[in-house]
Amino acid sequence: MKLNIKAFALACGILWGVGLFALTWWIIAFDGITGEVTLIGRLYRGYTISPIGSLLGLVYGFCDAFIGGAILAWVYNVLATRFERKAL
């Protein structure tokens, strides 16, 4: 069985982007807005626990996970094809 690379990449991107957006607003709701650099902020330039940071996290997270999901699905398809041939 092969994975649809575009669908898998889109699902990964949406999940990670929206998850990071929601997590940022969850932290804002309980701890307030901070300008401190977080661990994720070291990877995603400009990301902070703020409304603007949540939008940056959404965009960065979507792009990052979209590319990572596409690579993961592609590698899976390559390996699945090779192991399928050996099983026959």
C-alpha atoms as a PDB file:
ATOM      1  CA  MET A   1       0.000   0.000   0.000  1.00  0.00           C
ATOM      2  CA  LYS A   2       1.357   3.403  -0.967  1.00  0.00           C
ATOM      3  CA  LEU A   3       0.729   6.712   0.745  1.00  0.00           C
ATOM      4  CA  ASN A   4      -0.581   9.711  -1.149  1.00  0.00           C
ATOM      5  CA  ILE A   5       2.345  12.087  -0.623  1.00  0.00           C
ATOM      6  CA  LYS A   6       0.375  15.317  -1.090  1.00  0.00           C
ATOM      7  CA  ALA A   7      -2.448  14.246   1.231  1.00  0.00           C
ATOM      8  CA  PHE A   8      -0.067  13.017   3.929  1.00  0.00           C
ATOM      9  CA  ALA A   9       2.048  16.175   3.734  1.00  0.00           C
ATOM     10  CA  LEU A  10      -1.047  18.385   3.919  1.00  0.00           C
ATOM     11  CA  ALA A  11      -2.385  16.455   6.911  1.00  0.00           C
ATOM     12  CA  CYS A  12       0.953  16.774   8.727  1.00  0.00           C
ATOM     13  CA  GLY A  13       1.179  20.482   7.952  1.00  0.00           C
ATOM     14  CA  ILE A  14      -2.333  21.250   9.129  1.00  0.00           C
ATOM     15  CA  LEU A  15      -1.961  19.170  12.279  1.00  0.00           C
ATOM     16  CA  TRP A  16       1.346  20.723  13.362  1.00  0.00           C
ATOM     17  CA  GLY A  17       0.480  24.294  12.311  1.00  0.00           C
ATOM     18  CA  VAL A  18      -2.921  24.363  13.995  1.00  0.00           C
ATOM     19  CA  GLY A  19      -1.532  22.490  17.000  1.00  0.00           C
ATOM     20  CA  LEU A  20       1.206  25.068  17.517  1.00  0.00           C
ATOM     21  CA  PHE A  21      -1.310  27.894  17.047  1.00  0.00           C
ATOM     22  CA  ALA A  22      -3.687  26.361  19.611  1.00  0.00           C
ATOM     23  CA  LEU A  23      -0.870  25.637  22.063  1.00  0.00           C
ATOM     24  CA  THR A  24       0.294  29.246  21.878  1.00  0.00           C
ATOM     25  CA  TRP A  25      -3.195  30.533  22.666  1.00  0.00           C
ATOM     26  CA  TRP A  26      -3.527  27.989  25.477  1.00  0.00           C
ATOM     27  CA  ILE A  27      -0.354  29.349  27.066  1.00  0.00           C
ATOM     28  CA  ILE A  28      -1.531  32.945  26.516  1.00  0.00           C
ATOM     29  CA  ALA A  29      -4.826  32.123  28.263  1.00  0.00           C
ATOM     30  CA  PHE A  30      -3.107  30.819  31.387  1.00  0.00           C
ATOM     31  CA  ASP A  31       0.245  32.655  31.587  1.00  0.00           C
ATOM     32  CA  GLY A  32      -0.284  35.747  29.438  1.00  0.00           C
ATOM     33  CA  ILE A  33       1.802  37.190  26.661  1.00  0.00           C
ATOM     34  CA  THR A  34       5.566  36.899  27.058  1.00  0.00           C
ATOM     35  CA  GLY A  35       8.345  38.178  24.880  1.00  0.00           C
ATOM     36  CA  GLU A  36      10.765  35.506  25.990  1.00  0.00           C
ATOM     37  CA  VAL A  37      12.450  33.300  23.428  1.00  0.00           C
ATOM     38  CA  THR A  38      11.194  29.740  23.712  1.00  0.00           C
ATOM     39  CA  LEU A  39      12.734  26.519  22.453  1.00  0.00           C
ATOM     40  CA  ILE A  40      10.454  26.628  19.430  1.00  0.00           C
ATOM     41  CA  GLY A  41      11.376  30.293  18.984  1.00  0.00           C
ATOM     42  CA  ARG A  42      14.973  29.243  18.481  1.00  0.00           C
ATOM     43  CA  LEU A  43      13.904  27.116  15.515  1.00  0.00           C
ATOM     44  CA  TYR A  44      11.183  29.393  14.140  1.00  0.00           C
ATOM     45  CA  ARG A  45      12.567  32.943  13.937  1.00  0.00           C
ATOM     46  CA  GLY A  46      10.239  35.534  15.456  1.00  0.00           C
ATOM     47  CA  TYR A  47       8.026  33.034  17.294  1.00  0.00           C
ATOM     48  CA  THR A  48       7.053  34.149  20.793  1.00  0.00           C
ATOM     49  CA  ILE A  49       4.098  33.542  23.060  1.00  0.00           C
ATOM     50  CA  SER A  50       1.992  36.342  21.563  1.00  0.00           C
ATOM     51  CA  PRO A  51      -0.841  36.749  19.037  1.00  0.00           C
ATOM     52  CA  ILE A  52       1.641  37.570  16.244  1.00  0.00           C
ATOM     53  CA  GLY A  53       3.834  34.681  17.373  1.00  0.00           C
ATOM     54  CA  SER A  54       0.886  32.308  17.137  1.00  0.00           C
ATOM     55  CA  LEU A  55       0.386  33.283  13.485  1.00  0.00           C
ATOM     56  CA  LEU A  56       4.097  32.882  12.774  1.00  0.00           C
ATOM     57  CA  GLY A  57       3.983  29.481  14.475  1.00  0.00           C
ATOM     58  CA  LEU A  58       1.017  28.513  12.318  1.00  0.00           C
ATOM     59  CA  VAL A  59       2.856  29.409   9.109  1.00  0.00           C
ATOM     60  CA  TYR A  60       6.254  28.038  10.127  1.00  0.00           C
ATOM     61  CA  GLY A  61       4.699  24.888  11.585  1.00  0.00           C
ATOM     62  CA  PHE A  62       2.621  24.229   8.478  1.00  0.00           C
ATOM     63  CA  CYS A  63       5.584  24.665   6.126  1.00  0.00           C
ATOM     64  CA  ASP A  64       7.936  22.631   8.296  1.00  0.00           C
ATOM     65  CA  ALA A  65       5.561  19.708   8.787  1.00  0.00           C
ATOM     66  CA  PHE A  66       4.389  19.816   5.159  1.00  0.00           C
ATOM     67  CA  ILE A  67       7.947  19.305   3.936  1.00  0.00           C
ATOM     68  CA  GLY A  68       8.706  16.733   6.632  1.00  0.00           C
ATOM     69  CA  GLY A  69       5.488  14.833   5.904  1.00  0.00           C
ATOM     70  CA  ALA A  70       6.212  14.783   2.175  1.00  0.00           C
ATOM     71  CA  ILE A  71       9.706  13.394   2.786  1.00  0.00           C
ATOM     72  CA  LEU A  72       8.383  10.804   5.241  1.00  0.00           C
ATOM     73  CA  ALA A  73       5.646   9.632   2.831  1.00  0.00           C
ATOM     74  CA  TRP A  74       8.116   9.477  -0.063  1.00  0.00           C
ATOM     75  CA  VAL A  75      10.608   7.399   1.952  1.00  0.00           C
ATOM     76  CA  TYR A  76       7.770   5.120   3.083  1.00  0.00           C
ATOM     77  CA  ASN A  77       6.651   4.591  -0.516  1.00  0.00           C
ATOM     78  CA  VAL A  78      10.198   3.788  -1.652  1.00  0.00           C
ATOM     79  CA  LEU A  79      10.732   1.283   1.153  1.00  0.00           C
ATOM     80  CA  ALA A  80       7.275  -0.260   0.769  1.00  0.00           C
ATOM     81  CA  THR A  81       7.932  -0.840  -2.935  1.00  0.00           C
ATOM     82  CA  ARG A  82      11.310  -2.484  -2.281  1.00  0.00           C
ATOM     83  CA  PHE A  83       9.972  -4.784   0.445  1.00  0.00           C
ATOM     84  CA  GLU A  84       6.912  -5.629  -1.670  1.00  0.00           C
ATOM     85  CA  ARG A  85       9.153  -6.835  -4.522  1.00  0.00           C
ATOM     86  CA  LYS A  86      11.192  -9.037  -2.180  1.00  0.00           C
ATOM     87  CA  ALA A  87       8.050 -10.630  -0.718  1.00  0.00           C
ATOM     88  CA  LEU A  88       6.887 -11.749  -4.183  1.00  0.00           C
END
